[in-house]
Amino acid sequence: PADRDRGDGYYMAVPAFVGHKNDMGRLKLLLTDLKPKSS
């Protein structure tokens, strides 16, 4: 989490200095209630 400039809550971020080149970080959004056959 990183604080928003306006101070209203936060967003999710990966600072450039984390990890090594080509390292990956994954954040998953689990969708449990989507109806099939709908867009």
ModelCIF file with pLDDT and N, C-alpha, C, O atoms, coordinates in Angstrom:
data_MODEL
#
_entry.id   MODEL 
#
_entity.id                         1 
_entity.type                       polymer 
_entity.pdbx_number_of_molecules   1 
#
_entity_poly.entity_id                      1 
_entity_poly.type                           'polypeptide(L)' 
_entity_poly.nstd_linkage                   no 
_entity_poly.nstd_monomer                   no 
_entity_poly.pdbx_seq_one_letter_code       PADRDRGDGYYMAVPAFVGHKNDMGRLKLLLTDLKPKSS 
_entity_poly.pdbx_seq_one_letter_code_can   PADRDRGDGYYMAVPAFVGHKNDMGRLKLLLTDLKPKSS 
_entity_poly.pdbx_strand_id                 A 
#
loop_
_entity_poly_seq.entity_id 
_entity_poly_seq.num 
_entity_poly_seq.mon_id 
_entity_poly_seq.hetero 
1 1  PRO n 
1 2  ALA n 
1 3  ASP n 
1 4  ARG n 
1 5  ASP n 
1 6  ARG n 
1 7  GLY n 
1 8  ASP n 
1 9  GLY n 
1 10 TYR n 
1 11 TYR n 
1 12 MET n 
1 13 ALA n 
1 14 VAL n 
1 15 PRO n 
1 16 ALA n 
1 17 PHE n 
1 18 VAL n 
1 19 GLY n 
1 20 HIS n 
1 21 LYS n 
1 22 ASN n 
1 23 ASP n 
1 24 MET n 
1 25 GLY n 
1 26 ARG n 
1 27 LEU n 
1 28 LYS n 
1 29 LEU n 
1 30 LEU n 
1 31 LEU n 
1 32 THR n 
1 33 ASP n 
1 34 LEU n 
1 35 LYS n 
1 36 PRO n 
1 37 LYS n 
1 38 SER n 
1 39 SER n 
#
_struct_asym.id          A 
_struct_asym.entity_id   1 
#
loop_
_ma_qa_metric.id 
_ma_qa_metric.mode 
_ma_qa_metric.name 
_ma_qa_metric.software_group_id 
_ma_qa_metric.type 
1 global pLDDT . pLDDT 
2 local  pLDDT . pLDDT 
#
_ma_qa_metric_global.metric_id      1 
_ma_qa_metric_global.metric_value   86.08 
_ma_qa_metric_global.model_id       1 
_ma_qa_metric_global.ordinal_id     1 
#
loop_
_ma_qa_metric_local.label_asym_id 
_ma_qa_metric_local.label_comp_id 
_ma_qa_metric_local.label_seq_id 
_ma_qa_metric_local.metric_id 
_ma_qa_metric_local.metric_value 
_ma_qa_metric_local.model_id 
_ma_qa_metric_local.ordinal_id 
A PRO 1  2 92.00 1 1  
A ALA 2  2 92.00 1 2  
A ASP 3  2 89.00 1 3  
A ARG 4  2 83.00 1 4  
A ASP 5  2 78.00 1 5  
A ARG 6  2 75.00 1 6  
A GLY 7  2 73.00 1 7  
A ASP 8  2 76.00 1 8  
A GLY 9  2 82.00 1 9  
A TYR 10 2 90.00 1 10 
A TYR 11 2 93.00 1 11 
A MET 12 2 95.00 1 12 
A ALA 13 2 95.00 1 13 
A VAL 14 2 93.00 1 14 
A PRO 15 2 90.00 1 15 
A ALA 16 2 89.00 1 16 
A PHE 17 2 86.00 1 17 
A VAL 18 2 85.00 1 18 
A GLY 19 2 87.00 1 19 
A HIS 20 2 90.00 1 20 
A LYS 21 2 89.00 1 21 
A ASN 22 2 93.00 1 22 
A ASP 23 2 95.00 1 23 
A MET 24 2 95.00 1 24 
A GLY 25 2 96.00 1 25 
A ARG 26 2 95.00 1 26 
A LEU 27 2 95.00 1 27 
A LYS 28 2 93.00 1 28 
A LEU 29 2 92.00 1 29 
A LEU 30 2 89.00 1 30 
A LEU 31 2 84.00 1 31 
A THR 32 2 77.00 1 32 
A ASP 33 2 75.00 1 33 
A LEU 34 2 74.00 1 34 
A LYS 35 2 73.00 1 35 
A PRO 36 2 69.00 1 36 
A LYS 37 2 73.00 1 37 
A SER 38 2 80.00 1 38 
A SER 39 2 87.00 1 39 
#
loop_
_atom_site.group_PDB 
_atom_site.id 
_atom_site.type_symbol 
_atom_site.label_atom_id 
_atom_site.label_alt_id 
_atom_site.label_comp_id 
_atom_site.label_asym_id 
_atom_site.label_entity_id 
_atom_site.label_seq_id 
_atom_site.pdbx_PDB_ins_code 
_atom_site.Cartn_x 
_atom_site.Cartn_y 
_atom_site.Cartn_z 
_atom_site.occupancy 
_atom_site.B_iso_or_equiv 
_atom_site.pdbx_formal_charge 
_atom_site.auth_seq_id 
_atom_site.auth_comp_id 
_atom_site.auth_asym_id 
_atom_site.auth_atom_id 
_atom_site.pdbx_PDB_model_num 
ATOM 1   N N  . PRO A 1 1  ? 0.837   -1.203  0.000   1.00 92.00 ? 1  PRO A N  1 
ATOM 2   C CA . PRO A 1 1  ? 0.000   0.000   0.000   1.00 92.00 ? 1  PRO A CA 1 
ATOM 3   C C  . PRO A 1 1  ? 0.874   1.256   0.000   1.00 92.00 ? 1  PRO A C  1 
ATOM 4   O O  . PRO A 1 1  ? 1.904   1.302   0.673   1.00 92.00 ? 1  PRO A O  1 
ATOM 5   N N  . ALA A 1 2  ? 0.460   2.266   -0.754  1.00 92.00 ? 2  ALA A N  1 
ATOM 6   C CA . ALA A 1 2  ? 1.145   3.564   -0.779  1.00 92.00 ? 2  ALA A CA 1 
ATOM 7   C C  . ALA A 1 2  ? 0.081   4.645   -0.618  1.00 92.00 ? 2  ALA A C  1 
ATOM 8   O O  . ALA A 1 2  ? -1.009  4.551   -1.182  1.00 92.00 ? 2  ALA A O  1 
ATOM 9   N N  . ASP A 1 3  ? 0.412   5.662   0.152   1.00 89.00 ? 3  ASP A N  1 
ATOM 10  C CA . ASP A 1 3  ? -0.563  6.731   0.401   1.00 89.00 ? 3  ASP A CA 1 
ATOM 11  C C  . ASP A 1 3  ? -0.770  7.584   -0.840  1.00 89.00 ? 3  ASP A C  1 
ATOM 12  O O  . ASP A 1 3  ? 0.180   7.914   -1.550  1.00 89.00 ? 3  ASP A O  1 
ATOM 13  N N  . ARG A 1 4  ? -2.025  7.936   -1.089  1.00 83.00 ? 4  ARG A N  1 
ATOM 14  C CA . ARG A 1 4  ? -2.321  8.840   -2.193  1.00 83.00 ? 4  ARG A CA 1 
ATOM 15  C C  . ARG A 1 4  ? -1.875  10.251  -1.847  1.00 83.00 ? 4  ARG A C  1 
ATOM 16  O O  . ARG A 1 4  ? -1.852  10.643  -0.680  1.00 83.00 ? 4  ARG A O  1 
ATOM 17  N N  . ASP A 1 5  ? -1.521  11.009  -2.884  1.00 78.00 ? 5  ASP A N  1 
ATOM 18  C CA . ASP A 1 5  ? -1.086  12.400  -2.684  1.00 78.00 ? 5  ASP A CA 1 
ATOM 19  C C  . ASP A 1 5  ? -2.148  13.216  -1.971  1.00 78.00 ? 5  ASP A C  1 
ATOM 20  O O  . ASP A 1 5  ? -1.840  14.045  -1.115  1.00 78.00 ? 5  ASP A O  1 
ATOM 21  N N  . ARG A 1 6  ? -3.403  12.972  -2.331  1.00 75.00 ? 6  ARG A N  1 
ATOM 22  C CA . ARG A 1 6  ? -4.492  13.766  -1.745  1.00 75.00 ? 6  ARG A CA 1 
ATOM 23  C C  . ARG A 1 6  ? -4.804  13.335  -0.320  1.00 75.00 ? 6  ARG A C  1 
ATOM 24  O O  . ARG A 1 6  ? -5.551  14.012  0.386   1.00 75.00 ? 6  ARG A O  1 
ATOM 25  N N  . GLY A 1 7  ? -4.236  12.210  0.106   1.00 73.00 ? 7  GLY A N  1 
ATOM 26  C CA . GLY A 1 7  ? -4.436  11.772  1.478   1.00 73.00 ? 7  GLY A CA 1 
ATOM 27  C C  . GLY A 1 7  ? -5.716  10.994  1.706   1.00 73.00 ? 7  GLY A C  1 
ATOM 28  O O  . GLY A 1 7  ? -6.028  10.653  2.847   1.00 73.00 ? 7  GLY A O  1 
ATOM 29  N N  . ASP A 1 8  ? -6.480  10.699  0.630   1.00 76.00 ? 8  ASP A N  1 
ATOM 30  C CA . ASP A 1 8  ? -7.738  9.959   0.819   1.00 76.00 ? 8  ASP A CA 1 
ATOM 31  C C  . ASP A 1 8  ? -7.541  8.491   0.463   1.00 76.00 ? 8  ASP A C  1 
ATOM 32  O O  . ASP A 1 8  ? -7.880  8.053   -0.636  1.00 76.00 ? 8  ASP A O  1 
ATOM 33  N N  . GLY A 1 9  ? -6.996  7.753   1.395   1.00 82.00 ? 9  GLY A N  1 
ATOM 34  C CA . GLY A 1 9  ? -6.820  6.322   1.162   1.00 82.00 ? 9  GLY A CA 1 
ATOM 35  C C  . GLY A 1 9  ? -5.468  5.999   0.543   1.00 82.00 ? 9  GLY A C  1 
ATOM 36  O O  . GLY A 1 9  ? -4.523  6.783   0.636   1.00 82.00 ? 9  GLY A O  1 
ATOM 37  N N  . TYR A 1 10 ? -5.392  4.840   -0.087  1.00 90.00 ? 10 TYR A N  1 
ATOM 38  C CA . TYR A 1 10 ? -4.119  4.392   -0.634  1.00 90.00 ? 10 TYR A CA 1 
ATOM 39  C C  . TYR A 1 10 ? -4.338  3.610   -1.915  1.00 90.00 ? 10 TYR A C  1 
ATOM 40  O O  . TYR A 1 10 ? -5.462  3.248   -2.259  1.00 90.00 ? 10 TYR A O  1 
ATOM 41  N N  . TYR A 1 11 ? -3.242  3.358   -2.612  1.00 93.00 ? 11 TYR A N  1 
ATOM 42  C CA . TYR A 1 11 ? -3.249  2.516   -3.802  1.00 93.00 ? 11 TYR A CA 1 
ATOM 43  C C  . TYR A 1 11 ? -2.181  1.444   -3.595  1.00 93.00 ? 11 TYR A C  1 
ATOM 44  O O  . TYR A 1 11 ? -1.442  1.491   -2.611  1.00 93.00 ? 11 TYR A O  1 
ATOM 45  N N  . MET A 1 12 ? -2.095  0.495   -4.497  1.00 95.00 ? 12 MET A N  1 
ATOM 46  C CA . MET A 1 12 ? -1.085  -0.551  -4.377  1.00 95.00 ? 12 MET A CA 1 
ATOM 47  C C  . MET A 1 12 ? 0.060   -0.232  -5.334  1.00 95.00 ? 12 MET A C  1 
ATOM 48  O O  . MET A 1 12 ? -0.161  0.163   -6.478  1.00 95.00 ? 12 MET A O  1 
ATOM 49  N N  . ALA A 1 13 ? 1.292   -0.410  -4.843  1.00 95.00 ? 13 ALA A N  1 
ATOM 50  C CA . ALA A 1 13 ? 2.447   -0.011  -5.634  1.00 95.00 ? 13 ALA A CA 1 
ATOM 51  C C  . ALA A 1 13 ? 3.610   -0.972  -5.462  1.00 95.00 ? 13 ALA A C  1 
ATOM 52  O O  . ALA A 1 13 ? 3.720   -1.692  -4.469  1.00 95.00 ? 13 ALA A O  1 
ATOM 53  N N  . VAL A 1 14 ? 4.476   -0.953  -6.472  1.00 93.00 ? 14 VAL A N  1 
ATOM 54  C CA . VAL A 1 14 ? 5.757   -1.635  -6.416  1.00 93.00 ? 14 VAL A CA 1 
ATOM 55  C C  . VAL A 1 14 ? 6.817   -0.581  -6.678  1.00 93.00 ? 14 VAL A C  1 
ATOM 56  O O  . VAL A 1 14 ? 6.943   -0.103  -7.806  1.00 93.00 ? 14 VAL A O  1 
ATOM 57  N N  . PRO A 1 15 ? 7.592   -0.204  -5.646  1.00 90.00 ? 15 PRO A N  1 
ATOM 58  C CA . PRO A 1 15 ? 8.662   0.771   -5.864  1.00 90.00 ? 15 PRO A CA 1 
ATOM 59  C C  . PRO A 1 15 ? 9.740   0.182   -6.772  1.00 90.00 ? 15 PRO A C  1 
ATOM 60  O O  . PRO A 1 15 ? 9.967   -1.028  -6.771  1.00 90.00 ? 15 PRO A O  1 
ATOM 61  N N  . ALA A 1 16 ? 10.403  1.044   -7.547  1.00 89.00 ? 16 ALA A N  1 
ATOM 62  C CA . ALA A 1 16 ? 11.394  0.581   -8.530  1.00 89.00 ? 16 ALA A CA 1 
ATOM 63  C C  . ALA A 1 16 ? 12.585  -0.138  -7.893  1.00 89.00 ? 16 ALA A C  1 
ATOM 64  O O  . ALA A 1 16 ? 13.233  -0.949  -8.555  1.00 89.00 ? 16 ALA A O  1 
ATOM 65  N N  . PHE A 1 17 ? 12.886  0.142   -6.628  1.00 86.00 ? 17 PHE A N  1 
ATOM 66  C CA . PHE A 1 17 ? 14.092  -0.441  -6.027  1.00 86.00 ? 17 PHE A CA 1 
ATOM 67  C C  . PHE A 1 17 ? 13.846  -1.831  -5.434  1.00 86.00 ? 17 PHE A C  1 
ATOM 68  O O  . PHE A 1 17 ? 14.776  -2.442  -4.906  1.00 86.00 ? 17 PHE A O  1 
ATOM 69  N N  . VAL A 1 18 ? 12.611  -2.344  -5.511  1.00 85.00 ? 18 VAL A N  1 
ATOM 70  C CA . VAL A 1 18 ? 12.315  -3.658  -4.938  1.00 85.00 ? 18 VAL A CA 1 
ATOM 71  C C  . VAL A 1 18 ? 12.755  -4.762  -5.896  1.00 85.00 ? 18 VAL A C  1 
ATOM 72  O O  . VAL A 1 18 ? 12.472  -4.708  -7.093  1.00 85.00 ? 18 VAL A O  1 
ATOM 73  N N  . GLY A 1 19 ? 13.443  -5.752  -5.362  1.00 87.00 ? 19 GLY A N  1 
ATOM 74  C CA . GLY A 1 19 ? 13.790  -6.920  -6.171  1.00 87.00 ? 19 GLY A CA 1 
ATOM 75  C C  . GLY A 1 19 ? 14.902  -6.653  -7.174  1.00 87.00 ? 19 GLY A C  1 
ATOM 76  O O  . GLY A 1 19 ? 15.589  -5.634  -7.104  1.00 87.00 ? 19 GLY A O  1 
ATOM 77  N N  . HIS A 1 20 ? 15.068  -7.583  -8.108  1.00 90.00 ? 20 HIS A N  1 
ATOM 78  C CA . HIS A 1 20 ? 16.090  -7.513  -9.150  1.00 90.00 ? 20 HIS A CA 1 
ATOM 79  C C  . HIS A 1 20 ? 15.421  -7.445  -10.507 1.00 90.00 ? 20 HIS A C  1 
ATOM 80  O O  . HIS A 1 20 ? 14.232  -7.737  -10.640 1.00 90.00 ? 20 HIS A O  1 
ATOM 81  N N  . LYS A 1 21 ? 16.190  -7.058  -11.512 1.00 89.00 ? 21 LYS A N  1 
ATOM 82  C CA . LYS A 1 21 ? 15.640  -6.963  -12.861 1.00 89.00 ? 21 LYS A CA 1 
ATOM 83  C C  . LYS A 1 21 ? 14.937  -8.270  -13.235 1.00 89.00 ? 21 LYS A C  1 
ATOM 84  O O  . LYS A 1 21 ? 15.440  -9.362  -12.970 1.00 89.00 ? 21 LYS A O  1 
ATOM 85  N N  . ASN A 1 22 ? 13.775  -8.133  -13.852 1.00 93.00 ? 22 ASN A N  1 
ATOM 86  C CA . ASN A 1 22 ? 12.934  -9.253  -14.306 1.00 93.00 ? 22 ASN A CA 1 
ATOM 87  C C  . ASN A 1 22 ? 12.236  -10.017 -13.185 1.00 93.00 ? 22 ASN A C  1 
ATOM 88  O O  . ASN A 1 22 ? 11.526  -10.982 -13.466 1.00 93.00 ? 22 ASN A O  1 
ATOM 89  N N  . ASP A 1 23 ? 12.412  -9.619  -11.923 1.00 95.00 ? 23 ASP A N  1 
ATOM 90  C CA . ASP A 1 23 ? 11.607  -10.211 -10.853 1.00 95.00 ? 23 ASP A CA 1 
ATOM 91  C C  . ASP A 1 23 ? 10.147  -9.835  -11.065 1.00 95.00 ? 23 ASP A C  1 
ATOM 92  O O  . ASP A 1 23 ? 9.850   -8.802  -11.665 1.00 95.00 ? 23 ASP A O  1 
ATOM 93  N N  . MET A 1 24 ? 9.238   -10.670 -10.575 1.00 95.00 ? 24 MET A N  1 
ATOM 94  C CA . MET A 1 24 ? 7.806   -10.448 -10.751 1.00 95.00 ? 24 MET A CA 1 
ATOM 95  C C  . MET A 1 24 ? 7.103   -10.330 -9.403  1.00 95.00 ? 24 MET A C  1 
ATOM 96  O O  . MET A 1 24 ? 7.463   -10.995 -8.432  1.00 95.00 ? 24 MET A O  1 
ATOM 97  N N  . GLY A 1 25 ? 6.103   -9.475  -9.370  1.00 96.00 ? 25 GLY A N  1 
ATOM 98  C CA . GLY A 1 25 ? 5.205   -9.402  -8.218  1.00 96.00 ? 25 GLY A CA 1 
ATOM 99  C C  . GLY A 1 25 ? 3.781   -9.476  -8.733  1.00 96.00 ? 25 GLY A C  1 
ATOM 100 O O  . GLY A 1 25 ? 3.409   -8.727  -9.636  1.00 96.00 ? 25 GLY A O  1 
ATOM 101 N N  . ARG A 1 26 ? 2.974   -10.375 -8.167  1.00 95.00 ? 26 ARG A N  1 
ATOM 102 C CA . ARG A 1 26 ? 1.611   -10.558 -8.668  1.00 95.00 ? 26 ARG A CA 1 
ATOM 103 C C  . ARG A 1 26 ? 0.586   -10.317 -7.569  1.00 95.00 ? 26 ARG A C  1 
ATOM 104 O O  . ARG A 1 26 ? 0.710   -10.809 -6.448  1.00 95.00 ? 26 ARG A O  1 
ATOM 105 N N  . LEU A 1 27 ? -0.421  -9.549  -7.929  1.00 95.00 ? 27 LEU A N  1 
ATOM 106 C CA . LEU A 1 27 ? -1.530  -9.238  -7.033  1.00 95.00 ? 27 LEU A CA 1 
ATOM 107 C C  . LEU A 1 27 ? -2.787  -9.768  -7.705  1.00 95.00 ? 27 LEU A C  1 
ATOM 108 O O  . LEU A 1 27 ? -3.118  -9.373  -8.823  1.00 95.00 ? 27 LEU A O  1 
ATOM 109 N N  . LYS A 1 28 ? -3.491  -10.672 -7.009  1.00 93.00 ? 28 LYS A N  1 
ATOM 110 C CA . LYS A 1 28 ? -4.633  -11.348 -7.617  1.00 93.00 ? 28 LYS A CA 1 
ATOM 111 C C  . LYS A 1 28 ? -5.945  -10.810 -7.060  1.00 93.00 ? 28 LYS A C  1 
ATOM 112 O O  . LYS A 1 28 ? -6.102  -10.624 -5.853  1.00 93.00 ? 28 LYS A O  1 
ATOM 113 N N  . LEU A 1 29 ? -6.870  -10.568 -7.959  1.00 92.00 ? 29 LEU A N  1 
ATOM 114 C CA . LEU A 1 29 ? -8.229  -10.191 -7.605  1.00 92.00 ? 29 LEU A CA 1 
ATOM 115 C C  . LEU A 1 29 ? -9.087  -11.425 -7.815  1.00 92.00 ? 29 LEU A C  1 
ATOM 116 O O  . LEU A 1 29 ? -9.261  -11.880 -8.946  1.00 92.00 ? 29 LEU A O  1 
ATOM 117 N N  . LEU A 1 30 ? -9.629  -11.975 -6.718  1.00 89.00 ? 30 LEU A N  1 
ATOM 118 C CA . LEU A 1 30 ? -10.448 -13.179 -6.806  1.00 89.00 ? 30 LEU A CA 1 
ATOM 119 C C  . LEU A 1 30 ? -11.898 -12.773 -7.015  1.00 89.00 ? 30 LEU A C  1 
ATOM 120 O O  . LEU A 1 30 ? -12.464 -12.015 -6.227  1.00 89.00 ? 30 LEU A O  1 
ATOM 121 N N  . LEU A 1 31 ? -12.486 -13.280 -8.075  1.00 84.00 ? 31 LEU A N  1 
ATOM 122 C CA . LEU A 1 31 ? -13.866 -12.926 -8.435  1.00 84.00 ? 31 LEU A CA 1 
ATOM 123 C C  . LEU A 1 31 ? -14.737 -14.149 -8.219  1.00 84.00 ? 31 LEU A C  1 
ATOM 124 O O  . LEU A 1 31 ? -14.691 -15.107 -8.991  1.00 84.00 ? 31 LEU A O  1 
ATOM 125 N N  . THR A 1 32 ? -15.526 -14.104 -7.166  1.00 77.00 ? 32 THR A N  1 
ATOM 126 C CA . THR A 1 32 ? -16.287 -15.310 -6.844  1.00 77.00 ? 32 THR A CA 1 
ATOM 127 C C  . THR A 1 32 ? -17.730 -15.242 -7.342  1.00 77.00 ? 32 THR A C  1 
ATOM 128 O O  . THR A 1 32 ? -18.364 -16.280 -7.534  1.00 77.00 ? 32 THR A O  1 
ATOM 129 N N  . ASP A 1 33 ? -18.249 -14.051 -7.552  1.00 75.00 ? 33 ASP A N  1 
ATOM 130 C CA . ASP A 1 33 ? -19.681 -13.954 -7.842  1.00 75.00 ? 33 ASP A CA 1 
ATOM 131 C C  . ASP A 1 33 ? -20.019 -13.578 -9.280  1.00 75.00 ? 33 ASP A C  1 
ATOM 132 O O  . ASP A 1 33 ? -21.148 -13.172 -9.556  1.00 75.00 ? 33 ASP A O  1 
ATOM 133 N N  . LEU A 1 34 ? -19.071 -13.703 -10.196 1.00 74.00 ? 34 LEU A N  1 
ATOM 134 C CA . LEU A 1 34 ? -19.393 -13.345 -11.572 1.00 74.00 ? 34 LEU A CA 1 
ATOM 135 C C  . LEU A 1 34 ? -20.308 -14.390 -12.194 1.00 74.00 ? 34 LEU A C  1 
ATOM 136 O O  . LEU A 1 34 ? -20.149 -15.590 -11.973 1.00 74.00 ? 34 LEU A O  1 
ATOM 137 N N  . LYS A 1 35 ? -21.263 -13.912 -12.973 1.00 73.00 ? 35 LYS A N  1 
ATOM 138 C CA . LYS A 1 35 ? -22.180 -14.846 -13.640 1.00 73.00 ? 35 LYS A CA 1 
ATOM 139 C C  . LYS A 1 35 ? -21.566 -15.282 -14.961 1.00 73.00 ? 35 LYS A C  1 
ATOM 140 O O  . LYS A 1 35 ? -21.064 -14.459 -15.726 1.00 73.00 ? 35 LYS A O  1 
ATOM 141 N N  . PRO A 1 36 ? -21.610 -16.593 -15.222 1.00 69.00 ? 36 PRO A N  1 
ATOM 142 C CA . PRO A 1 36 ? -21.099 -17.064 -16.515 1.00 69.00 ? 36 PRO A CA 1 
ATOM 143 C C  . PRO A 1 36 ? -21.955 -16.500 -17.653 1.00 69.00 ? 36 PRO A C  1 
ATOM 144 O O  . PRO A 1 36 ? -23.094 -16.085 -17.437 1.00 69.00 ? 36 PRO A O  1 
ATOM 145 N N  . LYS A 1 37 ? -21.408 -16.491 -18.838 1.00 73.00 ? 37 LYS A N  1 
ATOM 146 C CA . LYS A 1 37 ? -22.108 -16.054 -20.049 1.00 73.00 ? 37 LYS A CA 1 
ATOM 147 C C  . LYS A 1 37 ? -22.564 -14.600 -19.971 1.00 73.00 ? 37 LYS A C  1 
ATOM 148 O O  . LYS A 1 37 ? -23.580 -14.221 -20.553 1.00 73.00 ? 37 LYS A O  1 
ATOM 149 N N  . SER A 1 38 ? -21.805 -13.807 -19.253 1.00 80.00 ? 38 SER A N  1 
ATOM 150 C CA . SER A 1 38 ? -22.095 -12.385 -19.198 1.00 80.00 ? 38 SER A CA 1 
ATOM 151 C C  . SER A 1 38 ? -20.769 -11.683 -19.460 1.00 80.00 ? 38 SER A C  1 
ATOM 152 O O  . SER A 1 38 ? -19.708 -12.256 -19.209 1.00 80.00 ? 38 SER A O  1 
ATOM 153 N N  . SER A 1 39 ? -20.814 -10.460 -19.956 1.00 87.00 ? 39 SER A N  1 
ATOM 154 C CA . SER A 1 39 ? -19.532 -9.778  -20.160 1.00 87.00 ? 39 SER A CA 1 
ATOM 155 C C  . SER A 1 39 ? -19.378 -8.659  -19.140 1.00 87.00 ? 39 SER A C  1 
ATOM 156 O O  . SER A 1 39 ? -18.366 -7.959  -19.140 1.00 87.00 ? 39 SER A O  1 
#
